[in-house]
C-alpha cells in the first residue's frame, strides 16, 4: 500500500519506523523511484536531459575538430588513426554528468520549496535513505545519458565513417559509463550542499555553472594533457575531471590503462567523500 503525496511520489504506508537492511534498501528504492518518476513527469526536462548531450557532441566536435584537423595537417605532423570526436567523447560524457549533478541541486530546492522535504522528515523511513535514494536516481539518470552519448557516437562511426576506435569494446564502454555516473554522483554533493544551505535555486545554479566550465576547460576533458598550456597542465594535476577524462580516453583510443583507471576511481572517491559529507551535514541541519 502507498500514499500519494501530491508531488509525483508515493510513500509506503508504514505504521512503525523501518528497521533492518531490508527495510533500508526498500526506503532507498522508494526515494530513487520517486526521483525517476518525477523526471518522467516533466517531459521538457526529460527532453532537455536527453538532447543536450547530442547538441554538445555535435557543437564541440565541429568547433574544436577543425583546429584538431589543421594541427594534424601541419608539415611533419603524423596522421592519427582517429578523429577529434574520439578525443572529445569522454569529455562530453563527463560534461553531461556534471550538468545532471547540477540538476540534482535544483530538484532539492524544489522539494524544500514545495514542502515535500518536510514530509520525508516525518515519514517512517530512515533519513539516510533520502540522500542515498536521490543519489541512486541521479546515478541511473547519468548512466543513461552516458550510454546515449556513447551509443550515438558508435552509430555515427558505423553510418558516417567517424574514426573512433572503441579500443576496449563493450566492456570499456560500460566502464566509461560507470566512471561518468560515479563522478556525477560525487559532484552532486556540491549542488545538493548549496541547495540545502541556501534553499535558493538561483544561488545553486550560479555556483554550479560557475564551477562547471573552469573544471572542464582547465582539464584534459577537451584535449590531451600534452596540448594544454603549461599553467593549465599544472592546474589539471589537481583537477579530478582530468583523471576521469584521461582514463576514459585511453579506453577509447588505445586500451585499458589500469593505473589511470585506478587514479580515476581514487579521484572520484576523494571528491565524493568530501562533497557528499558536506551534503550530509547540510541535510542534518535541514532536518532540525
C-alpha atoms as a PDB file:
ATOM      1  CA  UNK A   1       0.000   0.000   0.000  1.00  0.00           C
ATOM      2  CA  UNK A   2       1.149   3.531  -0.695  1.00  0.00           C
ATOM      3  CA  UNK A   3       0.029   7.072  -0.114  1.00  0.00           C
ATOM      4  CA  UNK A   4       0.055   9.728  -2.829  1.00  0.00           C
ATOM      5  CA  UNK A   5       1.793  12.866  -1.587  1.00  0.00           C
ATOM      6  CA  UNK A   6       0.735  15.177  -4.393  1.00  0.00           C
ATOM      7  CA  UNK A   7       4.280  15.756  -5.563  1.00  0.00           C
ATOM      8  CA  UNK A   8       4.663  12.945  -8.043  1.00  0.00           C
ATOM      9  CA  UNK A   9       5.676  10.330  -5.493  1.00  0.00           C
ATOM     10  CA  UNK A  10       4.035   7.701  -3.347  1.00  0.00           C
ATOM     11  CA  UNK A  11       5.351   6.899   0.108  1.00  0.00           C
ATOM     12  CA  UNK A  12       4.755   3.445   1.544  1.00  0.00           C
ATOM     13  CA  UNK A  13       2.232   3.269   4.371  1.00  0.00           C
ATOM     14  CA  UNK A  14       4.178   2.101   7.420  1.00  0.00           C
ATOM     15  CA  UNK A  15       2.896   2.204  10.951  1.00  0.00           C
ATOM     16  CA  UNK A  16       6.315   1.944  12.602  1.00  0.00           C
ATOM     17  CA  UNK A  17       9.772   3.185  11.652  1.00  0.00           C
ATOM     18  CA  UNK A  18      11.558   0.850   9.304  1.00  0.00           C
ATOM     19  CA  UNK A  19      14.474  -1.199  10.594  1.00  0.00           C
ATOM     20  CA  UNK A  20      16.989  -3.638   9.214  1.00  0.00           C
ATOM     21  CA  UNK A  21      18.923  -3.677   5.980  1.00  0.00           C
ATOM     22  CA  UNK A  22      15.933  -4.948   4.006  1.00  0.00           C
ATOM     23  CA  UNK A  23      13.814  -2.002   5.077  1.00  0.00           C
ATOM     24  CA  UNK A  24      16.691   0.394   4.436  1.00  0.00           C
ATOM     25  CA  UNK A  25      17.046  -0.844   0.869  1.00  0.00           C
ATOM     26  CA  UNK A  26      13.277  -0.606   0.439  1.00  0.00           C
ATOM     27  CA  UNK A  27      13.324   3.013   1.630  1.00  0.00           C
ATOM     28  CA  UNK A  28      16.185   3.832  -0.725  1.00  0.00           C
ATOM     29  CA  UNK A  29      14.275   2.191  -3.565  1.00  0.00           C
ATOM     30  CA  UNK A  30      11.160   4.289  -2.874  1.00  0.00           C
ATOM     31  CA  UNK A  31      13.142   7.540  -2.871  1.00  0.00           C
ATOM     32  CA  UNK A  32      15.009   6.518  -6.041  1.00  0.00           C
ATOM     33  CA  UNK A  33      11.710   5.592  -7.703  1.00  0.00           C
ATOM     34  CA  UNK A  34      10.223   8.935  -6.763  1.00  0.00           C
ATOM     35  CA  UNK A  35      13.229  10.788  -8.191  1.00  0.00           C
ATOM     36  CA  UNK A  36      12.989   8.988 -11.533  1.00  0.00           C
ATOM     37  CA  UNK A  37       9.194   9.246 -11.651  1.00  0.00           C
ATOM     38  CA  UNK A  38       9.390  12.983 -11.030  1.00  0.00           C
ATOM     39  CA  UNK A  39      11.740  13.298 -14.000  1.00  0.00           C
ATOM     40  CA  UNK A  40       9.393  11.305 -16.244  1.00  0.00           C
ATOM     41  CA  UNK A  41       6.504  13.624 -15.323  1.00  0.00           C
ATOM     42  CA  UNK A  42       8.439  16.617 -16.650  1.00  0.00           C
ATOM     43  CA  UNK A  43       8.697  15.922 -20.413  1.00  0.00           C
ATOM     44  CA  UNK A  44      10.528  19.180 -21.126  1.00  0.00           C
ATOM     45  CA  UNK A  45      13.244  18.445 -18.590  1.00  0.00           C
ATOM     46  CA  UNK A  46      13.456  14.849 -19.802  1.00  0.00           C
ATOM     47  CA  UNK A  47      13.827  16.020 -23.406  1.00  0.00           C
ATOM     48  CA  UNK A  48      16.453  18.590 -22.404  1.00  0.00           C
ATOM     49  CA  UNK A  49      18.351  15.918 -20.477  1.00  0.00           C
ATOM     50  CA  UNK A  50      18.440  13.605 -23.482  1.00  0.00           C
ATOM     51  CA  UNK A  51      19.057  16.161 -26.233  1.00  0.00           C
ATOM     52  CA  UNK A  52      21.753  18.310 -24.620  1.00  0.00           C
ATOM     53  CA  UNK A  53      24.447  15.598 -24.829  1.00  0.00           C
ATOM     54  CA  UNK A  54      23.766  15.314 -28.557  1.00  0.00           C
ATOM     55  CA  UNK A  55      23.969  19.098 -29.016  1.00  0.00           C
ATOM     56  CA  UNK A  56      27.276  19.240 -27.178  1.00  0.00           C
ATOM     57  CA  UNK A  57      28.584  16.275 -29.110  1.00  0.00           C
ATOM     58  CA  UNK A  58      27.857  17.975 -32.437  1.00  0.00           C
ATOM     59  CA  UNK A  59      28.808  21.525 -31.424  1.00  0.00           C
ATOM     60  CA  UNK A  60      32.138  20.841 -29.747  1.00  0.00           C
ATOM     61  CA  UNK A  61      33.224  18.224 -32.271  1.00  0.00           C
ATOM     62  CA  UNK A  62      32.701  20.680 -35.137  1.00  0.00           C
ATOM     63  CA  UNK A  63      34.267  23.668 -33.357  1.00  0.00           C
ATOM     64  CA  UNK A  64      37.381  22.020 -31.951  1.00  0.00           C
ATOM     65  CA  UNK A  65      37.591  19.364 -34.652  1.00  0.00           C
ATOM     66  CA  UNK A  66      38.566  21.989 -37.216  1.00  0.00           C
ATOM     67  CA  UNK A  67      41.513  23.098 -35.074  1.00  0.00           C
ATOM     68  CA  UNK A  68      42.493  19.488 -34.499  1.00  0.00           C
ATOM     69  CA  UNK A  69      42.429  18.757 -38.251  1.00  0.00           C
ATOM     70  CA  UNK A  70      44.551  21.800 -39.073  1.00  0.00           C
ATOM     71  CA  UNK A  71      47.150  20.784 -36.488  1.00  0.00           C
ATOM     72  CA  UNK A  72      47.246  17.302 -37.965  1.00  0.00           C
ATOM     73  CA  UNK A  73      47.865  18.722 -41.455  1.00  0.00           C
ATOM     74  CA  UNK A  74      50.940  20.740 -40.438  1.00  0.00           C
ATOM     75  CA  UNK A  75      54.266  19.731 -42.025  1.00  0.00           C
ATOM     76  CA  UNK A  76      55.859  16.889 -40.125  1.00  0.00           C
ATOM     77  CA  UNK A  77      52.701  16.028 -38.197  1.00  0.00           C
ATOM     78  CA  UNK A  78      51.811  12.340 -38.193  1.00  0.00           C
ATOM     79  CA  UNK A  79      48.329  11.317 -39.311  1.00  0.00           C
ATOM     80  CA  UNK A  80      46.300   9.958 -36.440  1.00  0.00           C
ATOM     81  CA  UNK A  81      44.072   6.868 -36.740  1.00  0.00           C
ATOM     82  CA  UNK A  82      41.145   8.658 -35.096  1.00  0.00           C
ATOM     83  CA  UNK A  83      39.119  11.876 -35.338  1.00  0.00           C
ATOM     84  CA  UNK A  84      38.952  14.606 -32.730  1.00  0.00           C
ATOM     85  CA  UNK A  85      35.489  13.340 -31.783  1.00  0.00           C
ATOM     86  CA  UNK A  86      37.234  10.279 -30.316  1.00  0.00           C
ATOM     87  CA  UNK A  87      39.360  12.578 -28.148  1.00  0.00           C
ATOM     88  CA  UNK A  88      36.344  14.648 -27.124  1.00  0.00           C
ATOM     89  CA  UNK A  89      33.911  11.819 -26.390  1.00  0.00           C
ATOM     90  CA  UNK A  90      34.951  11.207 -22.749  1.00  0.00           C
ATOM     91  CA  UNK A  91      34.765  14.934 -22.045  1.00  0.00           C
ATOM     92  CA  UNK A  92      31.200  15.091 -23.337  1.00  0.00           C
ATOM     93  CA  UNK A  93      30.217  12.162 -21.136  1.00  0.00           C
ATOM     94  CA  UNK A  94      31.702  13.935 -18.114  1.00  0.00           C
ATOM     95  CA  UNK A  95      30.087  17.237 -19.104  1.00  0.00           C
ATOM     96  CA  UNK A  96      26.624  15.677 -19.202  1.00  0.00           C
ATOM     97  CA  UNK A  97      27.237  14.064 -15.813  1.00  0.00           C
ATOM     98  CA  UNK A  98      28.174  17.421 -14.285  1.00  0.00           C
ATOM     99  CA  UNK A  99      25.070  19.001 -15.798  1.00  0.00           C
ATOM    100  CA  UNK A 100      22.909  16.251 -14.317  1.00  0.00           C
ATOM    101  CA  UNK A 101      24.632  16.764 -10.962  1.00  0.00           C
ATOM    102  CA  UNK A 102      23.617  20.431 -11.054  1.00  0.00           C
ATOM    103  CA  UNK A 103      20.010  19.418 -11.698  1.00  0.00           C
ATOM    104  CA  UNK A 104      20.148  17.333  -8.527  1.00  0.00           C
ATOM    105  CA  UNK A 105      20.541  20.518  -6.503  1.00  0.00           C
ATOM    106  CA  UNK A 106      17.686  22.200  -8.362  1.00  0.00           C
ATOM    107  CA  UNK A 107      15.422  19.250  -7.518  1.00  0.00           C
ATOM    108  CA  UNK A 108      16.468  19.513  -3.872  1.00  0.00           C
ATOM    109  CA  UNK A 109      15.447  23.184  -3.754  1.00  0.00           C
ATOM    110  CA  UNK A 110      12.128  22.289  -5.397  1.00  0.00           C
ATOM    111  CA  UNK A 111      11.436  19.696  -2.702  1.00  0.00           C
ATOM    112  CA  UNK A 112      12.209  22.254   0.001  1.00  0.00           C
ATOM    113  CA  UNK A 113      10.037  24.974  -1.554  1.00  0.00           C
ATOM    114  CA  UNK A 114       7.037  22.679  -2.045  1.00  0.00           C
ATOM    115  CA  UNK A 115       7.300  21.316   1.482  1.00  0.00           C
ATOM    116  CA  UNK A 116       7.951  17.797   0.283  1.00  0.00           C
ATOM    117  CA  UNK A 117      11.250  17.622   2.156  1.00  0.00           C
ATOM    118  CA  UNK A 118       9.328  18.088   5.414  1.00  0.00           C
ATOM    119  CA  UNK A 119       7.271  15.009   4.535  1.00  0.00           C
ATOM    120  CA  UNK A 120      10.478  12.997   4.343  1.00  0.00           C
ATOM    121  CA  UNK A 121      11.433  14.063   7.860  1.00  0.00           C
ATOM    122  CA  UNK A 122       8.103  12.899   9.354  1.00  0.00           C
ATOM    123  CA  UNK A 123       7.722   9.778   7.194  1.00  0.00           C
ATOM    124  CA  UNK A 124       8.577   6.414   8.823  1.00  0.00           C
ATOM    125  CA  UNK A 125      11.728   5.965   6.747  1.00  0.00           C
ATOM    126  CA  UNK A 126      15.399   6.302   7.567  1.00  0.00           C
ATOM    127  CA  UNK A 127      16.690   9.800   6.867  1.00  0.00           C
ATOM    128  CA  UNK A 128      19.865   8.379   5.385  1.00  0.00           C
ATOM    129  CA  UNK A 129      17.765   6.732   2.682  1.00  0.00           C
ATOM    130  CA  UNK A 130      16.613  10.130   1.387  1.00  0.00           C
ATOM    131  CA  UNK A 131      20.033  11.305   0.217  1.00  0.00           C
ATOM    132  CA  UNK A 132      21.150   7.838  -0.849  1.00  0.00           C
ATOM    133  CA  UNK A 133      17.946   7.272  -2.818  1.00  0.00           C
ATOM    134  CA  UNK A 134      18.261  10.622  -4.553  1.00  0.00           C
ATOM    135  CA  UNK A 135      21.880   9.923  -5.463  1.00  0.00           C
ATOM    136  CA  UNK A 136      20.937   6.480  -6.781  1.00  0.00           C
ATOM    137  CA  UNK A 137      18.293   8.067  -9.013  1.00  0.00           C
ATOM    138  CA  UNK A 138      20.866  10.590 -10.207  1.00  0.00           C
ATOM    139  CA  UNK A 139      23.347   7.806 -10.954  1.00  0.00           C
ATOM    140  CA  UNK A 140      20.804   5.949 -13.096  1.00  0.00           C
ATOM    141  CA  UNK A 141      19.990   9.142 -14.997  1.00  0.00           C
ATOM    142  CA  UNK A 142      23.677   9.975 -15.527  1.00  0.00           C
ATOM    143  CA  UNK A 143      24.460   6.460 -16.682  1.00  0.00           C
ATOM    144  CA  UNK A 144      21.604   6.701 -19.183  1.00  0.00           C
ATOM    145  CA  UNK A 145      22.997   9.943 -20.559  1.00  0.00           C
ATOM    146  CA  UNK A 146      26.477   8.452 -20.942  1.00  0.00           C
ATOM    147  CA  UNK A 147      25.014   5.432 -22.736  1.00  0.00           C
ATOM    148  CA  UNK A 148      23.215   7.774 -25.149  1.00  0.00           C
ATOM    149  CA  UNK A 149      26.408   9.727 -25.876  1.00  0.00           C
ATOM    150  CA  UNK A 150      28.498   6.611 -26.499  1.00  0.00           C
ATOM    151  CA  UNK A 151      25.687   4.893 -28.408  1.00  0.00           C
ATOM    152  CA  UNK A 152      25.175   7.807 -30.792  1.00  0.00           C
ATOM    153  CA  UNK A 153      28.934   8.041 -31.356  1.00  0.00           C
ATOM    154  CA  UNK A 154      29.072   4.321 -32.164  1.00  0.00           C
ATOM    155  CA  UNK A 155      26.139   4.560 -34.595  1.00  0.00           C
ATOM    156  CA  UNK A 156      27.731   7.542 -36.339  1.00  0.00           C
ATOM    157  CA  UNK A 157      31.009   5.623 -36.531  1.00  0.00           C
ATOM    158  CA  UNK A 158      29.233   2.868 -38.444  1.00  0.00           C
ATOM    159  CA  UNK A 159      26.978   5.120 -40.519  1.00  0.00           C
ATOM    160  CA  UNK A 160      29.203   8.085 -41.339  1.00  0.00           C
ATOM    161  CA  UNK A 161      32.712   6.721 -41.007  1.00  0.00           C
ATOM    162  CA  UNK A 162      33.735   8.573 -37.856  1.00  0.00           C
ATOM    163  CA  UNK A 163      37.176   7.346 -36.805  1.00  0.00           C
ATOM    164  CA  UNK A 164      36.505   6.279 -33.216  1.00  0.00           C
ATOM    165  CA  UNK A 165      38.473   3.124 -32.333  1.00  0.00           C
ATOM    166  CA  UNK A 166      36.458   1.984 -29.284  1.00  0.00           C
ATOM    167  CA  UNK A 167      39.597   0.008 -28.449  1.00  0.00           C
ATOM    168  CA  UNK A 168      38.162  -1.743 -25.395  1.00  0.00           C
ATOM    169  CA  UNK A 169      34.774  -2.631 -26.852  1.00  0.00           C
ATOM    170  CA  UNK A 170      31.622  -3.038 -24.774  1.00  0.00           C
ATOM    171  CA  UNK A 171      33.475  -3.663 -21.520  1.00  0.00           C
ATOM    172  CA  UNK A 172      35.392  -0.413 -21.872  1.00  0.00           C
ATOM    173  CA  UNK A 173      32.201   1.425 -22.778  1.00  0.00           C
ATOM    174  CA  UNK A 174      30.476   0.143 -19.643  1.00  0.00           C
ATOM    175  CA  UNK A 175      33.456   1.212 -17.549  1.00  0.00           C
ATOM    176  CA  UNK A 176      33.315   4.709 -19.077  1.00  0.00           C
ATOM    177  CA  UNK A 177      29.599   4.870 -18.238  1.00  0.00           C
ATOM    178  CA  UNK A 178      30.379   3.805 -14.666  1.00  0.00           C
ATOM    179  CA  UNK A 179      33.110   6.426 -14.281  1.00  0.00           C
ATOM    180  CA  UNK A 180      30.871   9.192 -15.644  1.00  0.00           C
ATOM    181  CA  UNK A 181      27.947   8.220 -13.402  1.00  0.00           C
ATOM    182  CA  UNK A 182      30.090   7.923 -10.277  1.00  0.00           C
ATOM    183  CA  UNK A 183      31.764  11.261 -10.952  1.00  0.00           C
ATOM    184  CA  UNK A 184      28.353  12.854 -11.427  1.00  0.00           C
ATOM    185  CA  UNK A 185      27.174  11.414  -8.105  1.00  0.00           C
ATOM    186  CA  UNK A 186      30.313  12.738  -6.420  1.00  0.00           C
ATOM    187  CA  UNK A 187      29.786  16.198  -7.911  1.00  0.00           C
ATOM    188  CA  UNK A 188      26.099  16.113  -6.871  1.00  0.00           C
ATOM    189  CA  UNK A 189      27.302  16.621  -3.327  1.00  0.00           C
ATOM    190  CA  UNK A 190      28.243  20.207  -4.196  1.00  0.00           C
ATOM    191  CA  UNK A 191      24.919  21.221  -5.739  1.00  0.00           C
ATOM    192  CA  UNK A 192      22.958  19.443  -3.004  1.00  0.00           C
ATOM    193  CA  UNK A 193      25.021  21.171  -0.315  1.00  0.00           C
ATOM    194  CA  UNK A 194      24.464  24.612  -1.821  1.00  0.00           C
ATOM    195  CA  UNK A 195      20.764  23.833  -2.280  1.00  0.00           C
ATOM    196  CA  UNK A 196      20.325  22.717   1.324  1.00  0.00           C
ATOM    197  CA  UNK A 197      22.308  25.604   2.811  1.00  0.00           C
ATOM    198  CA  UNK A 198      20.771  28.386   0.669  1.00  0.00           C
ATOM    199  CA  UNK A 199      17.360  26.914  -0.271  1.00  0.00           C
ATOM    200  CA  UNK A 200      17.631  29.067  -3.380  1.00  0.00           C
ATOM    201  CA  UNK A 201      17.553  27.888  -6.996  1.00  0.00           C
ATOM    202  CA  UNK A 202      19.383  30.920  -8.403  1.00  0.00           C
ATOM    203  CA  UNK A 203      22.293  30.573  -5.983  1.00  0.00           C
ATOM    204  CA  UNK A 204      22.535  26.842  -6.632  1.00  0.00           C
ATOM    205  CA  UNK A 205      22.531  27.464 -10.374  1.00  0.00           C
ATOM    206  CA  UNK A 206      25.142  30.222 -10.131  1.00  0.00           C
ATOM    207  CA  UNK A 207      27.552  28.119  -8.067  1.00  0.00           C
ATOM    208  CA  UNK A 208      27.101  25.041 -10.273  1.00  0.00           C
ATOM    209  CA  UNK A 209      27.587  26.878 -13.568  1.00  0.00           C
ATOM    210  CA  UNK A 210      30.463  28.994 -12.239  1.00  0.00           C
ATOM    211  CA  UNK A 211      32.445  25.868 -11.382  1.00  0.00           C
ATOM    212  CA  UNK A 212      31.410  23.647 -14.291  1.00  0.00           C
ATOM    213  CA  UNK A 213      33.205  25.289 -17.186  1.00  0.00           C
ATOM    214  CA  UNK A 214      36.517  26.053 -15.407  1.00  0.00           C
ATOM    215  CA  UNK A 215      36.634  22.429 -14.253  1.00  0.00           C
ATOM    216  CA  UNK A 216      36.074  21.238 -17.819  1.00  0.00           C
ATOM    217  CA  UNK A 217      38.305  23.624 -19.766  1.00  0.00           C
ATOM    218  CA  UNK A 218      41.125  23.568 -17.199  1.00  0.00           C
ATOM    219  CA  UNK A 219      41.389  19.798 -17.525  1.00  0.00           C
ATOM    220  CA  UNK A 220      42.116  17.144 -20.124  1.00  0.00           C
ATOM    221  CA  UNK A 221      38.414  16.768 -20.943  1.00  0.00           C
ATOM    222  CA  UNK A 222      38.697  18.607 -24.275  1.00  0.00           C
ATOM    223  CA  UNK A 223      42.283  17.923 -25.345  1.00  0.00           C
ATOM    224  CA  UNK A 224      45.138  15.664 -24.164  1.00  0.00           C
ATOM    225  CA  UNK A 225      47.479  16.911 -21.473  1.00  0.00           C
ATOM    226  CA  UNK A 226      50.380  17.487 -23.887  1.00  0.00           C
ATOM    227  CA  UNK A 227      48.398  20.079 -25.872  1.00  0.00           C
ATOM    228  CA  UNK A 228      47.476  22.224 -22.856  1.00  0.00           C
ATOM    229  CA  UNK A 229      49.408  25.365 -21.847  1.00  0.00           C
ATOM    230  CA  UNK A 230      51.908  24.829 -19.068  1.00  0.00           C
ATOM    231  CA  UNK A 231      49.925  26.512 -16.305  1.00  0.00           C
ATOM    232  CA  UNK A 232      46.781  24.596 -17.292  1.00  0.00           C
ATOM    233  CA  UNK A 233      48.754  21.338 -17.164  1.00  0.00           C
ATOM    234  CA  UNK A 234      49.766  22.202 -13.612  1.00  0.00           C
ATOM    235  CA  UNK A 235      46.173  23.013 -12.614  1.00  0.00           C
ATOM    236  CA  UNK A 236      44.839  19.874 -14.279  1.00  0.00           C
ATOM    237  CA  UNK A 237      47.006  17.736 -11.984  1.00  0.00           C
ATOM    238  CA  UNK A 238      44.724  18.835  -9.122  1.00  0.00           C
ATOM    239  CA  UNK A 239      41.533  18.659 -11.173  1.00  0.00           C
ATOM    240  CA  UNK A 240      39.585  15.383 -10.698  1.00  0.00           C
ATOM    241  CA  UNK A 241      37.983  15.813 -14.123  1.00  0.00           C
ATOM    242  CA  UNK A 242      41.395  15.222 -15.727  1.00  0.00           C
ATOM    243  CA  UNK A 243      41.825  11.805 -14.141  1.00  0.00           C
ATOM    244  CA  UNK A 244      38.397  10.601 -15.243  1.00  0.00           C
ATOM    245  CA  UNK A 245      38.814  12.029 -18.756  1.00  0.00           C
ATOM    246  CA  UNK A 246      42.314  10.608 -19.253  1.00  0.00           C
ATOM    247  CA  UNK A 247      41.337   7.110 -18.147  1.00  0.00           C
ATOM    248  CA  UNK A 248      38.180   7.166 -20.287  1.00  0.00           C
ATOM    249  CA  UNK A 249      40.023   8.485 -23.343  1.00  0.00           C
ATOM    250  CA  UNK A 250      42.612   5.715 -23.112  1.00  0.00           C
ATOM    251  CA  UNK A 251      39.822   3.120 -23.158  1.00  0.00           C
ATOM    252  CA  UNK A 252      38.504   4.622 -26.394  1.00  0.00           C
ATOM    253  CA  UNK A 253      41.806   5.214 -28.187  1.00  0.00           C
ATOM    254  CA  UNK A 254      44.302   2.601 -27.034  1.00  0.00           C
ATOM    255  CA  UNK A 255      43.054   0.169 -24.412  1.00  0.00           C
ATOM    256  CA  UNK A 256      42.791  -0.403 -20.677  1.00  0.00           C
ATOM    257  CA  UNK A 257      45.329   1.591 -18.678  1.00  0.00           C
ATOM    258  CA  UNK A 258      44.704   0.206 -15.207  1.00  0.00           C
ATOM    259  CA  UNK A 259      46.908   2.665 -13.287  1.00  0.00           C
ATOM    260  CA  UNK A 260      44.988   5.567 -14.859  1.00  0.00           C
ATOM    261  CA  UNK A 261      41.667   3.830 -14.189  1.00  0.00           C
ATOM    262  CA  UNK A 262      42.694   3.347 -10.566  1.00  0.00           C
ATOM    263  CA  UNK A 263      43.611   7.025 -10.290  1.00  0.00           C
ATOM    264  CA  UNK A 264      40.228   7.967 -11.742  1.00  0.00           C
ATOM    265  CA  UNK A 265      38.342   5.902  -9.152  1.00  0.00           C
ATOM    266  CA  UNK A 266      40.548   7.349  -6.400  1.00  0.00           C
ATOM    267  CA  UNK A 267      39.824  10.920  -7.547  1.00  0.00           C
ATOM    268  CA  UNK A 268      36.093  10.173  -7.651  1.00  0.00           C
ATOM    269  CA  UNK A 269      36.230   8.663  -4.162  1.00  0.00           C
ATOM    270  CA  UNK A 270      38.017  11.686  -2.701  1.00  0.00           C
ATOM    271  CA  UNK A 271      35.640  14.190  -4.318  1.00  0.00           C
ATOM    272  CA  UNK A 272      32.612  12.084  -3.453  1.00  0.00           C
ATOM    273  CA  UNK A 273      33.514  11.697   0.218  1.00  0.00           C
ATOM    274  CA  UNK A 274      34.313  15.392   0.685  1.00  0.00           C
ATOM    275  CA  UNK A 275      31.341  16.879  -1.171  1.00  0.00           C
ATOM    276  CA  UNK A 276      28.723  14.379  -0.053  1.00  0.00           C
ATOM    277  CA  UNK A 277      29.915  14.622   3.554  1.00  0.00           C
ATOM    278  CA  UNK A 278      29.187  18.333   3.248  1.00  0.00           C
ATOM    279  CA  UNK A 279      25.753  17.464   1.809  1.00  0.00           C
ATOM    280  CA  UNK A 280      25.058  15.133   4.739  1.00  0.00           C
ATOM    281  CA  UNK A 281      25.902  17.931   7.199  1.00  0.00           C
ATOM    282  CA  UNK A 282      23.598  20.310   5.328  1.00  0.00           C
ATOM    283  CA  UNK A 283      20.851  17.678   5.255  1.00  0.00           C
ATOM    284  CA  UNK A 284      21.060  17.094   9.005  1.00  0.00           C
ATOM    285  CA  UNK A 285      20.907  20.842   9.556  1.00  0.00           C
ATOM    286  CA  UNK A 286      17.794  20.981   7.367  1.00  0.00           C
ATOM    287  CA  UNK A 287      16.074  18.292   9.430  1.00  0.00           C
ATOM    288  CA  UNK A 288      16.468  20.028  12.797  1.00  0.00           C
END
